[in-house]
N, C-alpha and C. Protein backbone atom coordinates (compact mmCIF):
# COMPACT_ATOMS: atom_id res chain seq x y z
N UNK A 1 27.13 38.29 -73.72
CA UNK A 1 26.71 36.98 -73.26
C UNK A 1 25.19 36.89 -73.32
N UNK A 2 24.68 35.93 -74.03
CA UNK A 2 23.24 35.76 -74.11
C UNK A 2 22.80 34.77 -73.04
N UNK A 3 21.67 35.07 -72.46
CA UNK A 3 21.13 34.25 -71.38
C UNK A 3 20.16 33.23 -71.96
N UNK A 4 20.34 31.98 -71.61
CA UNK A 4 19.44 30.93 -72.09
C UNK A 4 18.26 30.81 -71.15
N UNK A 5 17.08 30.72 -71.72
CA UNK A 5 15.87 30.56 -70.94
C UNK A 5 15.52 29.09 -70.80
N UNK A 6 15.02 28.72 -69.65
CA UNK A 6 14.55 27.35 -69.47
C UNK A 6 13.29 27.16 -70.31
N UNK A 7 12.93 25.91 -70.52
CA UNK A 7 11.71 25.61 -71.30
C UNK A 7 10.49 26.23 -70.62
N UNK A 8 10.44 26.15 -69.29
CA UNK A 8 9.33 26.71 -68.53
C UNK A 8 9.26 28.23 -68.74
N UNK A 9 10.41 28.88 -68.70
CA UNK A 9 10.45 30.33 -68.89
C UNK A 9 10.05 30.71 -70.31
N UNK A 10 10.44 29.89 -71.28
CA UNK A 10 10.06 30.17 -72.68
C UNK A 10 8.55 30.11 -72.85
N UNK A 11 7.92 29.12 -72.23
CA UNK A 11 6.46 28.98 -72.33
C UNK A 11 5.75 30.13 -71.63
N UNK A 12 6.31 30.57 -70.50
CA UNK A 12 5.70 31.60 -69.69
C UNK A 12 5.86 32.98 -70.32
N UNK A 13 6.91 33.17 -71.07
CA UNK A 13 7.22 34.47 -71.65
C UNK A 13 6.17 34.88 -72.68
N UNK A 14 5.74 36.12 -72.58
CA UNK A 14 4.72 36.62 -73.49
C UNK A 14 5.37 37.58 -74.47
N UNK A 15 5.21 37.34 -75.73
CA UNK A 15 5.76 38.21 -76.77
C UNK A 15 4.76 39.32 -77.07
N UNK A 16 5.27 40.52 -77.30
CA UNK A 16 4.40 41.63 -77.65
C UNK A 16 3.81 41.42 -79.03
N UNK A 17 2.51 41.65 -79.16
CA UNK A 17 1.88 41.48 -80.47
C UNK A 17 2.15 42.69 -81.36
N UNK A 18 1.93 42.51 -82.62
CA UNK A 18 2.02 43.63 -83.55
C UNK A 18 0.74 44.45 -83.37
N UNK A 19 0.85 45.75 -83.11
CA UNK A 19 -0.35 46.57 -82.92
C UNK A 19 -1.28 46.49 -84.13
N UNK A 20 -2.56 46.49 -83.86
CA UNK A 20 -3.56 46.34 -84.93
C UNK A 20 -3.73 47.61 -85.75
N UNK A 21 -3.30 48.75 -85.20
CA UNK A 21 -3.42 50.01 -85.93
C UNK A 21 -2.43 51.02 -85.35
N UNK A 22 -2.29 52.12 -86.05
CA UNK A 22 -1.43 53.20 -85.56
C UNK A 22 -1.99 53.75 -84.24
N UNK A 23 -3.31 53.84 -84.14
CA UNK A 23 -3.93 54.34 -82.90
C UNK A 23 -3.64 53.40 -81.73
N UNK A 24 -3.69 52.10 -81.98
CA UNK A 24 -3.39 51.12 -80.93
C UNK A 24 -1.94 51.25 -80.49
N UNK A 25 -1.04 51.45 -81.43
CA UNK A 25 0.37 51.64 -81.11
C UNK A 25 0.57 52.86 -80.22
N UNK A 26 -0.09 53.95 -80.56
CA UNK A 26 0.03 55.18 -79.76
C UNK A 26 -0.52 54.97 -78.35
N UNK A 27 -1.63 54.25 -78.21
CA UNK A 27 -2.20 53.97 -76.88
C UNK A 27 -1.21 53.14 -76.05
N UNK A 28 -0.63 52.12 -76.68
CA UNK A 28 0.31 51.25 -75.97
C UNK A 28 1.54 52.05 -75.53
N UNK A 29 2.04 52.93 -76.39
CA UNK A 29 3.21 53.73 -76.06
C UNK A 29 2.91 54.77 -74.98
N UNK A 30 1.66 55.22 -74.91
CA UNK A 30 1.29 56.24 -73.94
C UNK A 30 1.03 55.68 -72.54
N UNK A 31 0.85 54.37 -72.43
CA UNK A 31 0.59 53.75 -71.13
C UNK A 31 1.81 53.91 -70.24
N UNK A 32 1.64 54.59 -69.10
CA UNK A 32 2.76 54.87 -68.22
C UNK A 32 2.85 53.80 -67.13
N UNK A 33 4.06 53.39 -66.78
CA UNK A 33 4.20 52.41 -65.72
C UNK A 33 4.05 53.01 -64.32
N UNK A 34 4.19 54.33 -64.20
CA UNK A 34 4.02 54.99 -62.91
C UNK A 34 3.54 56.42 -63.13
N UNK A 35 3.15 57.05 -62.03
CA UNK A 35 2.66 58.44 -62.07
C UNK A 35 1.44 58.60 -62.96
N UNK A 36 0.55 57.62 -62.93
CA UNK A 36 -0.70 57.73 -63.68
C UNK A 36 -1.61 58.72 -62.96
N UNK A 37 -2.62 59.20 -63.64
CA UNK A 37 -3.55 60.16 -63.04
C UNK A 37 -4.21 59.59 -61.77
N UNK A 38 -4.68 58.34 -61.77
CA UNK A 38 -5.27 57.80 -60.54
C UNK A 38 -4.25 57.71 -59.37
N UNK A 39 -3.01 57.37 -59.68
CA UNK A 39 -1.98 57.33 -58.63
C UNK A 39 -1.75 58.72 -58.07
N UNK A 40 -1.61 59.71 -58.95
CA UNK A 40 -1.36 61.08 -58.50
C UNK A 40 -2.52 61.60 -57.66
N UNK A 41 -3.75 61.30 -58.07
CA UNK A 41 -4.92 61.76 -57.31
C UNK A 41 -4.93 61.15 -55.91
N UNK A 42 -4.62 59.86 -55.81
CA UNK A 42 -4.59 59.21 -54.51
C UNK A 42 -3.45 59.76 -53.66
N UNK A 43 -2.28 59.93 -54.24
CA UNK A 43 -1.15 60.48 -53.49
C UNK A 43 -1.47 61.88 -52.98
N UNK A 44 -2.13 62.67 -53.78
CA UNK A 44 -2.50 64.03 -53.37
C UNK A 44 -3.42 63.99 -52.15
N UNK A 45 -4.41 63.10 -52.19
CA UNK A 45 -5.34 62.98 -51.06
C UNK A 45 -4.61 62.49 -49.79
N UNK A 46 -3.70 61.54 -49.96
CA UNK A 46 -2.93 61.05 -48.81
C UNK A 46 -2.06 62.16 -48.23
N UNK A 47 -1.47 62.94 -49.10
CA UNK A 47 -0.61 64.05 -48.66
C UNK A 47 -1.43 65.09 -47.91
N UNK A 48 -2.64 65.38 -48.38
CA UNK A 48 -3.53 66.34 -47.70
C UNK A 48 -3.84 65.88 -46.27
N UNK A 49 -3.84 64.57 -46.06
CA UNK A 49 -4.11 64.01 -44.73
C UNK A 49 -2.86 63.97 -43.86
N UNK A 50 -1.76 64.49 -44.39
CA UNK A 50 -0.53 64.56 -43.62
C UNK A 50 0.33 63.31 -43.70
N UNK A 51 -0.03 62.39 -44.57
CA UNK A 51 0.74 61.15 -44.69
C UNK A 51 1.91 61.34 -45.65
N UNK A 52 3.04 60.74 -45.31
CA UNK A 52 4.22 60.78 -46.17
C UNK A 52 4.60 59.34 -46.52
N UNK A 53 5.08 59.15 -47.71
CA UNK A 53 5.24 57.81 -48.25
C UNK A 53 6.34 57.79 -49.29
N UNK A 54 6.67 56.62 -49.74
CA UNK A 54 7.60 56.41 -50.85
C UNK A 54 6.76 55.98 -52.06
N UNK A 55 7.24 56.32 -53.25
CA UNK A 55 6.52 55.91 -54.45
C UNK A 55 7.39 55.03 -55.34
N UNK A 56 6.72 54.07 -55.97
CA UNK A 56 7.35 53.18 -56.94
C UNK A 56 8.63 52.54 -56.39
N UNK A 57 8.50 51.86 -55.24
CA UNK A 57 9.64 51.19 -54.61
C UNK A 57 9.30 49.75 -54.27
N UNK A 58 10.34 48.95 -54.06
CA UNK A 58 10.16 47.58 -53.59
C UNK A 58 9.84 47.63 -52.11
N UNK A 59 8.73 47.06 -51.69
CA UNK A 59 8.45 47.02 -50.25
C UNK A 59 9.50 46.21 -49.49
N UNK A 60 9.92 45.09 -50.08
CA UNK A 60 10.97 44.28 -49.48
C UNK A 60 12.01 43.97 -50.55
N UNK A 61 13.27 44.01 -50.16
CA UNK A 61 14.36 43.86 -51.12
C UNK A 61 14.32 42.54 -51.87
N UNK A 62 13.95 41.48 -51.17
CA UNK A 62 13.98 40.15 -51.77
C UNK A 62 12.93 39.97 -52.88
N UNK A 63 11.92 40.78 -52.86
CA UNK A 63 10.84 40.66 -53.83
C UNK A 63 11.08 41.66 -54.97
N UNK A 64 11.29 41.14 -56.16
CA UNK A 64 11.59 42.01 -57.29
C UNK A 64 10.31 42.58 -57.90
N UNK A 65 9.54 43.24 -57.06
CA UNK A 65 8.30 43.88 -57.51
C UNK A 65 8.14 45.19 -56.76
N UNK A 66 7.53 46.15 -57.42
CA UNK A 66 7.40 47.48 -56.85
C UNK A 66 5.94 47.80 -56.55
N UNK A 67 5.74 48.52 -55.46
CA UNK A 67 4.40 48.99 -55.12
C UNK A 67 4.29 50.46 -55.55
N UNK A 68 3.08 50.90 -55.80
CA UNK A 68 2.87 52.29 -56.22
C UNK A 68 3.12 53.26 -55.07
N UNK A 69 2.65 52.90 -53.88
CA UNK A 69 2.81 53.75 -52.69
C UNK A 69 3.20 52.83 -51.54
N UNK A 70 4.23 53.23 -50.77
CA UNK A 70 4.71 52.39 -49.67
C UNK A 70 4.86 53.22 -48.41
N UNK A 71 4.33 52.69 -47.32
CA UNK A 71 4.53 53.24 -45.99
C UNK A 71 5.39 52.23 -45.25
N UNK A 72 6.71 52.45 -45.26
CA UNK A 72 7.64 51.46 -44.70
C UNK A 72 7.41 51.21 -43.21
N UNK A 73 7.30 52.28 -42.42
CA UNK A 73 7.20 52.10 -40.97
C UNK A 73 5.92 51.35 -40.58
N UNK A 74 4.85 51.56 -41.32
CA UNK A 74 3.59 50.86 -41.03
C UNK A 74 3.49 49.53 -41.78
N UNK A 75 4.44 49.28 -42.66
CA UNK A 75 4.46 48.08 -43.50
C UNK A 75 3.15 47.94 -44.28
N UNK A 76 2.84 49.00 -45.04
CA UNK A 76 1.65 49.01 -45.90
C UNK A 76 2.10 49.28 -47.32
N UNK A 77 1.67 48.42 -48.25
CA UNK A 77 1.97 48.58 -49.67
C UNK A 77 0.67 48.75 -50.43
N UNK A 78 0.63 49.79 -51.26
CA UNK A 78 -0.58 50.11 -52.01
C UNK A 78 -0.30 49.96 -53.50
N UNK A 79 -1.22 49.29 -54.18
CA UNK A 79 -1.13 49.10 -55.62
C UNK A 79 -2.37 49.72 -56.25
N UNK A 80 -2.18 50.63 -57.18
CA UNK A 80 -3.30 51.23 -57.91
C UNK A 80 -3.36 50.50 -59.25
N UNK A 81 -4.31 49.59 -59.36
CA UNK A 81 -4.40 48.72 -60.52
C UNK A 81 -5.28 49.32 -61.61
N UNK A 82 -4.76 49.32 -62.84
CA UNK A 82 -5.52 49.79 -63.99
C UNK A 82 -6.59 48.78 -64.37
N UNK A 83 -7.76 49.27 -64.71
CA UNK A 83 -8.89 48.39 -65.03
C UNK A 83 -8.58 47.45 -66.18
N UNK A 84 -7.98 47.93 -67.24
CA UNK A 84 -7.67 47.06 -68.38
C UNK A 84 -6.56 46.09 -68.02
N UNK A 85 -5.46 46.61 -67.51
CA UNK A 85 -4.24 45.81 -67.29
C UNK A 85 -4.39 44.72 -66.24
N UNK A 86 -5.30 44.93 -65.29
CA UNK A 86 -5.44 43.96 -64.20
C UNK A 86 -6.80 43.26 -64.19
N UNK A 87 -7.61 43.50 -65.22
CA UNK A 87 -8.86 42.77 -65.39
C UNK A 87 -9.95 43.14 -64.40
N UNK A 88 -10.23 44.42 -64.26
CA UNK A 88 -11.29 44.88 -63.36
C UNK A 88 -12.61 44.20 -63.71
N UNK A 89 -13.30 43.63 -62.71
CA UNK A 89 -14.57 42.97 -63.00
C UNK A 89 -15.68 43.94 -63.44
N UNK A 90 -15.50 45.23 -63.15
CA UNK A 90 -16.51 46.22 -63.52
C UNK A 90 -16.16 46.89 -64.86
N UNK A 91 -14.93 47.34 -65.00
CA UNK A 91 -14.55 48.13 -66.17
C UNK A 91 -13.55 47.44 -67.11
N UNK A 92 -13.08 46.28 -66.75
CA UNK A 92 -12.12 45.58 -67.61
C UNK A 92 -12.75 45.24 -68.94
N UNK A 93 -12.04 45.48 -70.00
CA UNK A 93 -12.56 45.18 -71.34
C UNK A 93 -11.68 44.13 -72.00
N UNK A 94 -12.23 43.45 -72.97
CA UNK A 94 -11.49 42.46 -73.74
C UNK A 94 -11.07 43.09 -75.06
N UNK A 95 -9.79 43.00 -75.35
CA UNK A 95 -9.30 43.51 -76.62
C UNK A 95 -9.84 42.65 -77.76
N UNK A 96 -10.16 43.28 -78.86
CA UNK A 96 -10.66 42.54 -80.03
C UNK A 96 -9.48 42.06 -80.89
N UNK A 97 -8.52 42.95 -81.09
CA UNK A 97 -7.34 42.57 -81.86
C UNK A 97 -6.36 41.87 -80.91
N UNK A 98 -5.73 40.83 -81.37
CA UNK A 98 -4.77 40.07 -80.57
C UNK A 98 -5.40 39.60 -79.26
N UNK A 99 -6.66 39.19 -79.34
CA UNK A 99 -7.44 38.84 -78.15
C UNK A 99 -6.78 37.77 -77.28
N UNK A 100 -6.23 36.75 -77.91
CA UNK A 100 -5.60 35.67 -77.14
C UNK A 100 -4.40 36.20 -76.36
N UNK A 101 -3.57 37.01 -77.01
CA UNK A 101 -2.42 37.61 -76.33
C UNK A 101 -2.85 38.40 -75.11
N UNK A 102 -3.84 39.30 -75.29
CA UNK A 102 -4.24 40.19 -74.20
C UNK A 102 -4.92 39.43 -73.06
N UNK A 103 -5.71 38.44 -73.41
CA UNK A 103 -6.35 37.64 -72.36
C UNK A 103 -5.27 36.95 -71.51
N UNK A 104 -4.27 36.39 -72.17
CA UNK A 104 -3.17 35.73 -71.49
C UNK A 104 -2.35 36.73 -70.65
N UNK A 105 -2.08 37.89 -71.23
CA UNK A 105 -1.29 38.93 -70.55
C UNK A 105 -1.99 39.39 -69.28
N UNK A 106 -3.28 39.66 -69.37
CA UNK A 106 -4.03 40.13 -68.20
C UNK A 106 -4.10 39.04 -67.14
N UNK A 107 -4.28 37.80 -67.55
CA UNK A 107 -4.28 36.68 -66.59
C UNK A 107 -2.93 36.55 -65.90
N UNK A 108 -1.85 36.71 -66.65
CA UNK A 108 -0.50 36.68 -66.04
C UNK A 108 -0.35 37.81 -65.03
N UNK A 109 -0.86 38.99 -65.34
CA UNK A 109 -0.82 40.11 -64.40
C UNK A 109 -1.56 39.76 -63.11
N UNK A 110 -2.73 39.14 -63.25
CA UNK A 110 -3.53 38.77 -62.08
C UNK A 110 -2.81 37.73 -61.22
N UNK A 111 -2.17 36.77 -61.88
CA UNK A 111 -1.41 35.75 -61.15
C UNK A 111 -0.26 36.40 -60.39
N UNK A 112 0.45 37.31 -61.06
CA UNK A 112 1.56 38.01 -60.41
C UNK A 112 1.05 38.87 -59.24
N UNK A 113 -0.10 39.54 -59.43
CA UNK A 113 -0.68 40.35 -58.36
C UNK A 113 -0.99 39.49 -57.13
N UNK A 114 -1.60 38.34 -57.35
CA UNK A 114 -1.93 37.42 -56.25
C UNK A 114 -0.67 36.95 -55.54
N UNK A 115 0.35 36.60 -56.31
CA UNK A 115 1.60 36.14 -55.75
C UNK A 115 2.28 37.25 -54.94
N UNK A 116 2.29 38.45 -55.47
CA UNK A 116 2.89 39.59 -54.77
C UNK A 116 2.19 39.83 -53.44
N UNK A 117 0.86 39.85 -53.47
CA UNK A 117 0.09 40.08 -52.24
C UNK A 117 0.39 38.99 -51.21
N UNK A 118 0.41 37.74 -51.66
CA UNK A 118 0.68 36.62 -50.76
C UNK A 118 2.06 36.74 -50.11
N UNK A 119 3.06 37.06 -50.90
CA UNK A 119 4.43 37.17 -50.38
C UNK A 119 4.57 38.33 -49.39
N UNK A 120 3.95 39.45 -49.72
CA UNK A 120 4.03 40.60 -48.82
C UNK A 120 3.31 40.31 -47.50
N UNK A 121 2.14 39.71 -47.58
CA UNK A 121 1.40 39.37 -46.36
C UNK A 121 2.20 38.42 -45.49
N UNK A 122 2.85 37.45 -46.11
CA UNK A 122 3.68 36.49 -45.38
C UNK A 122 4.83 37.21 -44.66
N UNK A 123 5.31 38.31 -45.23
CA UNK A 123 6.40 39.09 -44.62
C UNK A 123 5.88 40.13 -43.63
N UNK A 124 4.56 40.10 -43.32
CA UNK A 124 4.01 41.00 -42.32
C UNK A 124 3.49 42.32 -42.85
N UNK A 125 3.35 42.44 -44.16
CA UNK A 125 2.86 43.67 -44.76
C UNK A 125 1.35 43.63 -44.94
N UNK A 126 0.74 44.80 -44.89
CA UNK A 126 -0.67 44.97 -45.24
C UNK A 126 -0.70 45.42 -46.70
N UNK A 127 -1.42 44.70 -47.52
CA UNK A 127 -1.50 45.01 -48.95
C UNK A 127 -2.87 45.60 -49.24
N UNK A 128 -2.86 46.75 -49.90
CA UNK A 128 -4.11 47.39 -50.31
C UNK A 128 -4.08 47.52 -51.82
N UNK A 129 -5.08 46.93 -52.46
CA UNK A 129 -5.20 47.03 -53.91
C UNK A 129 -6.40 47.92 -54.22
N UNK A 130 -6.17 48.91 -55.07
CA UNK A 130 -7.17 49.91 -55.41
C UNK A 130 -7.34 49.90 -56.92
N UNK A 131 -8.59 49.91 -57.37
CA UNK A 131 -8.84 50.04 -58.81
C UNK A 131 -8.71 51.49 -59.21
N UNK A 132 -8.26 51.74 -60.40
CA UNK A 132 -8.06 53.11 -60.86
C UNK A 132 -9.33 53.95 -60.84
N UNK A 133 -10.51 53.31 -60.89
CA UNK A 133 -11.77 54.06 -60.94
C UNK A 133 -12.30 54.41 -59.55
N UNK A 134 -11.66 53.91 -58.50
CA UNK A 134 -12.17 54.18 -57.15
C UNK A 134 -11.93 55.64 -56.75
N UNK A 135 -12.83 56.14 -55.92
CA UNK A 135 -12.77 57.52 -55.46
C UNK A 135 -11.55 57.73 -54.56
N UNK A 136 -10.62 58.62 -54.96
CA UNK A 136 -9.38 58.79 -54.19
C UNK A 136 -9.61 59.32 -52.77
N UNK A 137 -10.64 60.15 -52.59
CA UNK A 137 -10.92 60.66 -51.25
C UNK A 137 -11.34 59.53 -50.31
N UNK A 138 -12.26 58.68 -50.77
CA UNK A 138 -12.72 57.56 -49.95
C UNK A 138 -11.60 56.56 -49.68
N UNK A 139 -10.82 56.28 -50.71
CA UNK A 139 -9.71 55.33 -50.56
C UNK A 139 -8.67 55.89 -49.59
N UNK A 140 -8.37 57.18 -49.70
CA UNK A 140 -7.36 57.78 -48.81
C UNK A 140 -7.82 57.75 -47.35
N UNK A 141 -9.12 57.88 -47.14
CA UNK A 141 -9.66 57.81 -45.78
C UNK A 141 -9.44 56.41 -45.20
N UNK A 142 -9.72 55.40 -46.00
CA UNK A 142 -9.51 54.01 -45.58
C UNK A 142 -8.02 53.76 -45.28
N UNK A 143 -7.16 54.23 -46.18
CA UNK A 143 -5.72 54.04 -46.00
C UNK A 143 -5.23 54.77 -44.75
N UNK A 144 -5.71 55.99 -44.55
CA UNK A 144 -5.32 56.77 -43.38
C UNK A 144 -5.65 56.00 -42.10
N UNK A 145 -6.86 55.46 -42.02
CA UNK A 145 -7.27 54.69 -40.84
C UNK A 145 -6.37 53.48 -40.62
N UNK A 146 -6.04 52.79 -41.68
CA UNK A 146 -5.18 51.60 -41.57
C UNK A 146 -3.78 52.00 -41.10
N UNK A 147 -3.24 53.07 -41.65
CA UNK A 147 -1.90 53.53 -41.26
C UNK A 147 -1.89 53.90 -39.78
N UNK A 148 -2.89 54.65 -39.35
CA UNK A 148 -2.96 55.08 -37.95
C UNK A 148 -3.03 53.86 -37.00
N UNK A 149 -3.84 52.88 -37.34
CA UNK A 149 -3.96 51.68 -36.50
C UNK A 149 -2.65 50.91 -36.45
N UNK A 150 -1.98 50.78 -37.57
CA UNK A 150 -0.73 50.01 -37.62
C UNK A 150 0.40 50.75 -36.90
N UNK A 151 0.38 52.07 -36.91
CA UNK A 151 1.44 52.81 -36.22
C UNK A 151 1.24 52.80 -34.71
N UNK A 152 -0.02 52.70 -34.26
CA UNK A 152 -0.29 52.63 -32.81
C UNK A 152 0.06 51.26 -32.25
N UNK A 153 -0.23 50.21 -33.05
CA UNK A 153 -0.06 48.84 -32.58
C UNK A 153 1.28 48.34 -32.86
């Protein structure tokens, strides 16, 4: 059974471009959706502080989106955003090949990120967004303080 898309969904849907080179194809294939080096570094620092968490899970069932790190009891969801994929104002770069596609893709990611944060906050969650280039020790200290405050209150 094939599913028909509404006109709105057809317009919103982004088609993958043809890679501009073999090297570009390899980079795209190597991009991992989870367990990236920045995520692992942050998780390691959080673990050293004695914090235990869930990884790559939906904070709330109704929301079909996953957070990188979740503290269910404290209702804290952490997203480790890649500089390219989420348009970091410091390190985000613009692709030269298929520029229109990538600009649109990154903007869609940002819109989804904003929507996710808004929905989680409305459900009583604390949302923490971290750029992949941020220092994991400093970020883990901030997260630790937030978790401790939320568990006391």
